[in-house]
Amino acid sequence: MAVLELKEILKELNGKTVLKNIDFKISENQLIGIKCTKNEIRVLFDLIENAMLPTIGNIKSTFKSILSDRKKDDLYKFMTVGSYLKYFNKLSRNNNDLDFLMSQFSLMDSWHLSIKKVTLSQQKEFL
C-alpha cells in the first residue's frame, strides 16, 4: 500500500513550469532517492506537506502530517567525485560497476578531486 502517491503533477510558479509529469508512489518502509534542483525539491516538499497545491495533478497520502527537516546540505561539496559516486551507489542500493562508469564518463582524471574543485559542467555530468 502506498503511503504517498503523486499522479501527473504539474506545478507552475510565476508563469514558469517548476515540476512537470511527476508520477511516483512510495510504499511503507520504501527508500527512494530524488535528484532535483534546489528549487524543484523545495516545491516538491511544499506540495507533499500541503503548503501549496499542484497546478495540475493529484497527491494522495495515508498520513495526517509529515515531519521534515530541511537543511542546506552541501555535504557533497566536501566529497571527492569518487566518494560521492560510491555514496550515491550505496544509498540507492545499486550495484553499479564504478570502474566501468568512471571510464564511460571520463572521470579518471577527476576521480580523486574534491567536487568543489571541478567545473560546473563536470559536476552536471555526475551530480
N, C-alpha and C. Protein backbone atom coordinates (compact mmCIF):
# COMPACT_ATOMS: atom_id res chain seq x y z
N MET A 1 0.85 -1.19 0.00
CA MET A 1 0.00 0.00 0.00
C MET A 1 0.89 1.24 0.00
N ALA A 2 0.55 2.20 -0.83
CA ALA A 2 1.33 3.43 -0.94
C ALA A 2 0.98 4.37 0.21
N VAL A 3 2.01 4.93 0.85
CA VAL A 3 1.78 5.95 1.87
C VAL A 3 1.75 7.34 1.25
N LEU A 4 2.34 7.43 0.05
CA LEU A 4 2.33 8.69 -0.69
C LEU A 4 2.28 8.37 -2.19
N GLU A 5 1.40 9.06 -2.90
CA GLU A 5 1.31 8.86 -4.34
C GLU A 5 1.10 10.22 -5.01
N LEU A 6 1.95 10.50 -5.98
CA LEU A 6 1.82 11.71 -6.79
C LEU A 6 1.49 11.26 -8.21
N LYS A 7 0.42 11.85 -8.77
CA LYS A 7 -0.03 11.46 -10.12
C LYS A 7 -0.10 12.69 -11.01
N GLU A 8 0.66 12.61 -12.11
CA GLU A 8 0.63 13.63 -13.16
C GLU A 8 0.73 15.04 -12.60
N ILE A 9 1.71 15.26 -11.72
CA ILE A 9 1.87 16.56 -11.08
C ILE A 9 2.54 17.55 -12.02
N LEU A 10 1.93 18.71 -12.12
CA LEU A 10 2.49 19.86 -12.80
C LEU A 10 2.40 21.02 -11.82
N LYS A 11 3.49 21.74 -11.66
CA LYS A 11 3.46 22.92 -10.80
C LYS A 11 4.13 24.06 -11.53
N GLU A 12 3.37 25.14 -11.66
CA GLU A 12 3.89 26.36 -12.27
C GLU A 12 3.91 27.46 -11.23
N LEU A 13 4.98 28.24 -11.24
CA LEU A 13 5.12 29.39 -10.36
C LEU A 13 5.56 30.58 -11.20
N ASN A 14 4.85 31.69 -11.05
CA ASN A 14 5.19 32.91 -11.78
C ASN A 14 5.29 32.67 -13.28
N GLY A 15 4.39 31.84 -13.82
CA GLY A 15 4.35 31.58 -15.24
C GLY A 15 5.41 30.62 -15.75
N LYS A 16 6.20 30.04 -14.84
CA LYS A 16 7.24 29.10 -15.25
C LYS A 16 6.94 27.72 -14.67
N THR A 17 7.21 26.69 -15.47
CA THR A 17 7.00 25.31 -15.02
C THR A 17 8.16 24.90 -14.14
N VAL A 18 7.86 24.52 -12.90
CA VAL A 18 8.88 24.06 -11.95
C VAL A 18 8.93 22.53 -11.94
N LEU A 19 7.76 21.89 -11.91
CA LEU A 19 7.67 20.43 -11.93
C LEU A 19 6.70 20.03 -13.03
N LYS A 20 7.06 18.97 -13.76
CA LYS A 20 6.21 18.52 -14.86
C LYS A 20 6.24 17.00 -14.93
N ASN A 21 5.05 16.40 -15.09
CA ASN A 21 4.91 14.95 -15.26
C ASN A 21 5.54 14.16 -14.11
N ILE A 22 5.28 14.56 -12.89
CA ILE A 22 5.80 13.86 -11.73
C ILE A 22 4.80 12.78 -11.33
N ASP A 23 5.25 11.54 -11.37
CA ASP A 23 4.43 10.38 -11.02
C ASP A 23 5.28 9.43 -10.19
N PHE A 24 4.89 9.18 -8.95
CA PHE A 24 5.55 8.12 -8.19
C PHE A 24 4.70 7.74 -6.99
N LYS A 25 4.99 6.54 -6.50
CA LYS A 25 4.37 6.01 -5.28
C LYS A 25 5.48 5.64 -4.33
N ILE A 26 5.22 5.87 -3.05
CA ILE A 26 6.16 5.43 -2.01
C ILE A 26 5.38 4.53 -1.06
N SER A 27 5.85 3.32 -0.93
CA SER A 27 5.24 2.36 -0.02
C SER A 27 5.89 2.48 1.36
N GLU A 28 5.21 1.95 2.35
CA GLU A 28 5.74 1.96 3.71
C GLU A 28 7.10 1.26 3.73
N ASN A 29 8.06 1.86 4.40
CA ASN A 29 9.43 1.37 4.56
C ASN A 29 10.24 1.36 3.27
N GLN A 30 9.74 1.96 2.21
CA GLN A 30 10.48 2.03 0.95
C GLN A 30 11.46 3.21 0.98
N LEU A 31 12.65 2.99 0.48
CA LEU A 31 13.65 4.04 0.37
C LEU A 31 13.71 4.50 -1.08
N ILE A 32 13.73 5.81 -1.28
CA ILE A 32 13.86 6.33 -2.63
C ILE A 32 14.90 7.44 -2.64
N GLY A 33 15.38 7.75 -3.79
CA GLY A 33 16.27 8.88 -3.99
C GLY A 33 15.67 9.78 -5.05
N ILE A 34 15.69 11.06 -4.81
CA ILE A 34 15.13 12.03 -5.76
C ILE A 34 16.23 13.03 -6.08
N LYS A 35 16.47 13.19 -7.35
CA LYS A 35 17.50 14.13 -7.79
C LYS A 35 16.82 15.30 -8.46
N CYS A 36 16.94 16.48 -7.87
CA CYS A 36 16.27 17.68 -8.37
C CYS A 36 17.17 18.89 -8.10
N THR A 37 16.80 19.99 -8.71
CA THR A 37 17.44 21.25 -8.36
C THR A 37 16.93 21.67 -6.98
N LYS A 38 17.57 22.64 -6.38
CA LYS A 38 17.13 23.13 -5.06
C LYS A 38 15.70 23.65 -5.13
N ASN A 39 15.38 24.38 -6.18
CA ASN A 39 14.04 24.93 -6.31
C ASN A 39 13.01 23.82 -6.51
N GLU A 40 13.32 22.84 -7.34
CA GLU A 40 12.39 21.74 -7.59
C GLU A 40 12.11 20.95 -6.32
N ILE A 41 13.15 20.67 -5.52
CA ILE A 41 12.93 19.88 -4.31
C ILE A 41 12.16 20.69 -3.26
N ARG A 42 12.40 22.01 -3.23
CA ARG A 42 11.65 22.88 -2.30
C ARG A 42 10.16 22.83 -2.65
N VAL A 43 9.85 22.98 -3.93
CA VAL A 43 8.46 22.96 -4.38
C VAL A 43 7.85 21.58 -4.16
N LEU A 44 8.60 20.52 -4.46
CA LEU A 44 8.09 19.16 -4.26
C LEU A 44 7.70 18.93 -2.80
N PHE A 45 8.57 19.32 -1.88
CA PHE A 45 8.24 19.13 -0.46
C PHE A 45 7.11 20.06 -0.02
N ASP A 46 7.02 21.25 -0.58
CA ASP A 46 5.88 22.12 -0.27
C ASP A 46 4.58 21.44 -0.70
N LEU A 47 4.59 20.76 -1.84
CA LEU A 47 3.41 20.03 -2.29
C LEU A 47 3.10 18.86 -1.37
N ILE A 48 4.11 18.08 -1.06
CA ILE A 48 3.91 16.91 -0.19
C ILE A 48 3.40 17.32 1.19
N GLU A 49 3.89 18.45 1.69
CA GLU A 49 3.50 18.94 3.02
C GLU A 49 2.21 19.76 2.99
N ASN A 50 1.57 19.84 1.83
CA ASN A 50 0.34 20.62 1.66
C ASN A 50 0.52 22.11 1.92
N ALA A 51 1.73 22.61 1.74
CA ALA A 51 1.98 24.04 1.87
C ALA A 51 1.56 24.78 0.60
N MET A 52 1.42 24.04 -0.50
CA MET A 52 0.90 24.59 -1.76
C MET A 52 0.20 23.46 -2.52
N LEU A 53 -0.61 23.84 -3.47
CA LEU A 53 -1.35 22.87 -4.27
C LEU A 53 -0.70 22.75 -5.65
N PRO A 54 -0.81 21.57 -6.27
CA PRO A 54 -0.28 21.45 -7.64
C PRO A 54 -1.16 22.25 -8.61
N THR A 55 -0.56 22.69 -9.69
CA THR A 55 -1.33 23.35 -10.74
C THR A 55 -2.25 22.33 -11.38
N ILE A 56 -1.72 21.15 -11.66
CA ILE A 56 -2.48 20.02 -12.20
C ILE A 56 -1.99 18.76 -11.49
N GLY A 57 -2.86 17.81 -11.30
CA GLY A 57 -2.47 16.52 -10.73
C GLY A 57 -3.03 16.28 -9.35
N ASN A 58 -2.76 15.07 -8.83
CA ASN A 58 -3.29 14.66 -7.53
C ASN A 58 -2.19 14.14 -6.63
N ILE A 59 -2.33 14.44 -5.36
CA ILE A 59 -1.42 13.91 -4.34
C ILE A 59 -2.29 13.21 -3.31
N LYS A 60 -1.99 11.94 -3.08
CA LYS A 60 -2.71 11.16 -2.07
C LYS A 60 -1.71 10.69 -1.03
N SER A 61 -2.11 10.77 0.22
CA SER A 61 -1.25 10.26 1.28
C SER A 61 -2.10 9.61 2.35
N THR A 62 -1.50 8.66 3.06
CA THR A 62 -2.22 7.97 4.13
C THR A 62 -1.85 8.55 5.50
N PHE A 63 -0.99 9.56 5.52
CA PHE A 63 -0.59 10.16 6.79
C PHE A 63 -1.32 11.48 6.99
N LYS A 64 -1.51 11.84 8.25
CA LYS A 64 -2.20 13.09 8.58
C LYS A 64 -1.23 14.26 8.61
N SER A 65 0.01 13.97 8.91
CA SER A 65 1.02 15.03 8.93
C SER A 65 2.37 14.42 8.56
N ILE A 66 3.28 15.27 8.20
CA ILE A 66 4.62 14.83 7.83
C ILE A 66 5.62 15.75 8.52
N LEU A 67 6.66 15.16 9.00
CA LEU A 67 7.72 15.92 9.64
C LEU A 67 8.92 15.91 8.70
N SER A 68 9.38 17.08 8.36
CA SER A 68 10.58 17.16 7.53
C SER A 68 11.53 18.17 8.15
N ASP A 69 12.78 17.97 7.89
CA ASP A 69 13.82 18.84 8.41
C ASP A 69 14.65 19.28 7.21
N ARG A 70 14.37 20.46 6.73
CA ARG A 70 15.07 20.95 5.54
C ARG A 70 16.32 21.70 5.96
N LYS A 71 17.40 21.13 5.62
CA LYS A 71 18.69 21.74 5.93
C LYS A 71 19.43 21.97 4.64
N LYS A 72 20.26 22.96 4.65
CA LYS A 72 21.12 23.16 3.49
C LYS A 72 22.18 22.07 3.56
N ASP A 73 22.13 21.18 2.62
CA ASP A 73 23.03 20.04 2.64
C ASP A 73 24.08 20.19 1.55
N ASP A 74 25.24 20.66 1.94
CA ASP A 74 26.34 20.81 1.00
C ASP A 74 27.40 19.76 1.23
N LEU A 75 27.00 18.63 1.79
CA LEU A 75 27.93 17.55 2.08
C LEU A 75 28.73 17.16 0.85
N TYR A 76 28.03 17.06 -0.27
CA TYR A 76 28.71 16.58 -1.47
C TYR A 76 29.87 17.46 -1.89
N LYS A 77 29.82 18.75 -1.56
CA LYS A 77 30.91 19.65 -1.96
C LYS A 77 32.22 19.30 -1.26
N PHE A 78 32.14 18.58 -0.16
CA PHE A 78 33.33 18.20 0.59
C PHE A 78 33.80 16.80 0.24
N MET A 79 33.10 16.16 -0.67
CA MET A 79 33.46 14.80 -1.08
C MET A 79 34.27 14.86 -2.36
N THR A 80 34.94 13.76 -2.65
CA THR A 80 35.59 13.65 -3.95
C THR A 80 34.57 13.10 -4.94
N VAL A 81 34.87 13.21 -6.21
CA VAL A 81 33.99 12.67 -7.24
C VAL A 81 33.75 11.18 -6.97
N GLY A 82 34.82 10.45 -6.70
CA GLY A 82 34.71 9.01 -6.45
C GLY A 82 33.90 8.69 -5.20
N SER A 83 34.15 9.42 -4.10
CA SER A 83 33.42 9.12 -2.86
C SER A 83 31.95 9.46 -3.00
N TYR A 84 31.64 10.51 -3.76
CA TYR A 84 30.24 10.86 -4.00
C TYR A 84 29.53 9.75 -4.76
N LEU A 85 30.15 9.27 -5.81
CA LEU A 85 29.52 8.22 -6.62
C LEU A 85 29.39 6.92 -5.84
N LYS A 86 30.38 6.59 -5.00
CA LYS A 86 30.28 5.40 -4.14
C LYS A 86 29.13 5.56 -3.15
N TYR A 87 29.02 6.75 -2.55
CA TYR A 87 27.97 7.04 -1.58
C TYR A 87 26.59 6.93 -2.24
N PHE A 88 26.42 7.56 -3.40
CA PHE A 88 25.13 7.53 -4.08
C PHE A 88 24.79 6.12 -4.54
N ASN A 89 25.78 5.37 -4.98
CA ASN A 89 25.58 3.98 -5.40
C ASN A 89 25.06 3.14 -4.22
N LYS A 90 25.65 3.34 -3.05
CA LYS A 90 25.23 2.60 -1.85
C LYS A 90 23.85 3.07 -1.38
N LEU A 91 23.64 4.38 -1.37
CA LEU A 91 22.37 4.94 -0.92
C LEU A 91 21.21 4.45 -1.78
N SER A 92 21.43 4.35 -3.07
CA SER A 92 20.38 3.92 -3.99
C SER A 92 20.27 2.40 -4.09
N ARG A 93 21.12 1.71 -3.33
CA ARG A 93 21.15 0.25 -3.31
C ARG A 93 21.40 -0.35 -4.69
N ASN A 94 22.17 0.37 -5.48
CA ASN A 94 22.57 -0.14 -6.78
C ASN A 94 23.89 -0.86 -6.63
N ASN A 95 24.18 -1.68 -7.58
CA ASN A 95 25.44 -2.41 -7.57
C ASN A 95 26.19 -2.10 -8.85
N ASN A 96 26.24 -0.81 -9.20
CA ASN A 96 26.89 -0.40 -10.44
C ASN A 96 28.39 -0.63 -10.35
N ASP A 97 28.98 -0.98 -11.46
CA ASP A 97 30.42 -1.13 -11.56
C ASP A 97 31.02 0.27 -11.71
N LEU A 98 31.53 0.81 -10.62
CA LEU A 98 32.01 2.18 -10.62
C LEU A 98 33.26 2.36 -11.50
N ASP A 99 34.08 1.34 -11.61
CA ASP A 99 35.24 1.43 -12.50
C ASP A 99 34.78 1.59 -13.96
N PHE A 100 33.74 0.86 -14.32
CA PHE A 100 33.18 0.97 -15.66
C PHE A 100 32.61 2.37 -15.88
N LEU A 101 31.84 2.86 -14.90
CA LEU A 101 31.25 4.19 -15.02
C LEU A 101 32.32 5.28 -15.08
N MET A 102 33.38 5.09 -14.31
CA MET A 102 34.47 6.05 -14.30
C MET A 102 35.06 6.19 -15.71
N SER A 103 35.25 5.08 -16.39
CA SER A 103 35.81 5.15 -17.74
C SER A 103 34.78 5.64 -18.75
N GLN A 104 33.53 5.23 -18.62
CA GLN A 104 32.48 5.65 -19.55
C GLN A 104 32.24 7.16 -19.51
N PHE A 105 32.34 7.75 -18.32
CA PHE A 105 32.09 9.18 -18.17
C PHE A 105 33.37 10.00 -18.11
N SER A 106 34.49 9.37 -18.45
CA SER A 106 35.80 10.05 -18.49
C SER A 106 36.09 10.76 -17.17
N LEU A 107 35.93 10.03 -16.08
CA LEU A 107 36.14 10.61 -14.75
C LEU A 107 37.48 10.23 -14.14
N MET A 108 38.32 9.53 -14.88
CA MET A 108 39.58 9.06 -14.31
C MET A 108 40.44 10.21 -13.79
N ASP A 109 40.48 11.32 -14.53
CA ASP A 109 41.31 12.45 -14.11
C ASP A 109 40.74 13.20 -12.92
N SER A 110 39.43 13.14 -12.74
CA SER A 110 38.81 13.90 -11.65
C SER A 110 38.33 13.02 -10.50
N TRP A 111 38.54 11.71 -10.55
CA TRP A 111 38.03 10.77 -9.56
C TRP A 111 38.42 11.14 -8.12
N HIS A 112 39.64 11.64 -7.95
CA HIS A 112 40.13 11.95 -6.60
C HIS A 112 40.05 13.44 -6.27
N LEU A 113 39.46 14.23 -7.14
CA LEU A 113 39.32 15.67 -6.89
C LEU A 113 38.11 15.95 -6.04
N SER A 114 38.20 16.99 -5.24
CA SER A 114 37.05 17.48 -4.49
C SER A 114 36.02 18.00 -5.48
N ILE A 115 34.75 17.74 -5.24
CA ILE A 115 33.70 18.18 -6.14
C ILE A 115 33.71 19.69 -6.31
N LYS A 116 34.02 20.41 -5.23
CA LYS A 116 34.01 21.88 -5.35
C LYS A 116 35.14 22.39 -6.24
N LYS A 117 36.09 21.53 -6.59
CA LYS A 117 37.21 21.96 -7.44
C LYS A 117 37.02 21.63 -8.91
N VAL A 118 35.99 20.84 -9.25
CA VAL A 118 35.75 20.53 -10.65
C VAL A 118 34.81 21.58 -11.23
N THR A 119 34.81 21.71 -12.53
CA THR A 119 33.98 22.74 -13.18
C THR A 119 32.50 22.40 -13.05
N LEU A 120 31.69 23.42 -13.24
CA LEU A 120 30.24 23.22 -13.17
C LEU A 120 29.76 22.24 -14.21
N SER A 121 30.32 22.28 -15.42
CA SER A 121 29.90 21.33 -16.45
C SER A 121 30.29 19.91 -16.07
N GLN A 122 31.45 19.73 -15.40
CA GLN A 122 31.83 18.40 -14.93
C GLN A 122 30.89 17.93 -13.84
N GLN A 123 30.49 18.85 -12.92
CA GLN A 123 29.57 18.49 -11.86
C GLN A 123 28.23 18.00 -12.42
N LYS A 124 27.78 18.66 -13.48
CA LYS A 124 26.49 18.27 -14.07
C LYS A 124 26.53 16.87 -14.66
N GLU A 125 27.72 16.38 -14.98
CA GLU A 125 27.82 15.02 -15.54
C GLU A 125 27.52 13.96 -14.51
N PHE A 126 27.83 14.20 -13.25
CA PHE A 126 27.66 13.15 -12.25
C PHE A 126 26.81 13.54 -11.06
N LEU A 127 26.45 14.80 -10.87
CA LEU A 127 25.60 15.17 -9.74
C LEU A 127 24.14 15.16 -10.14
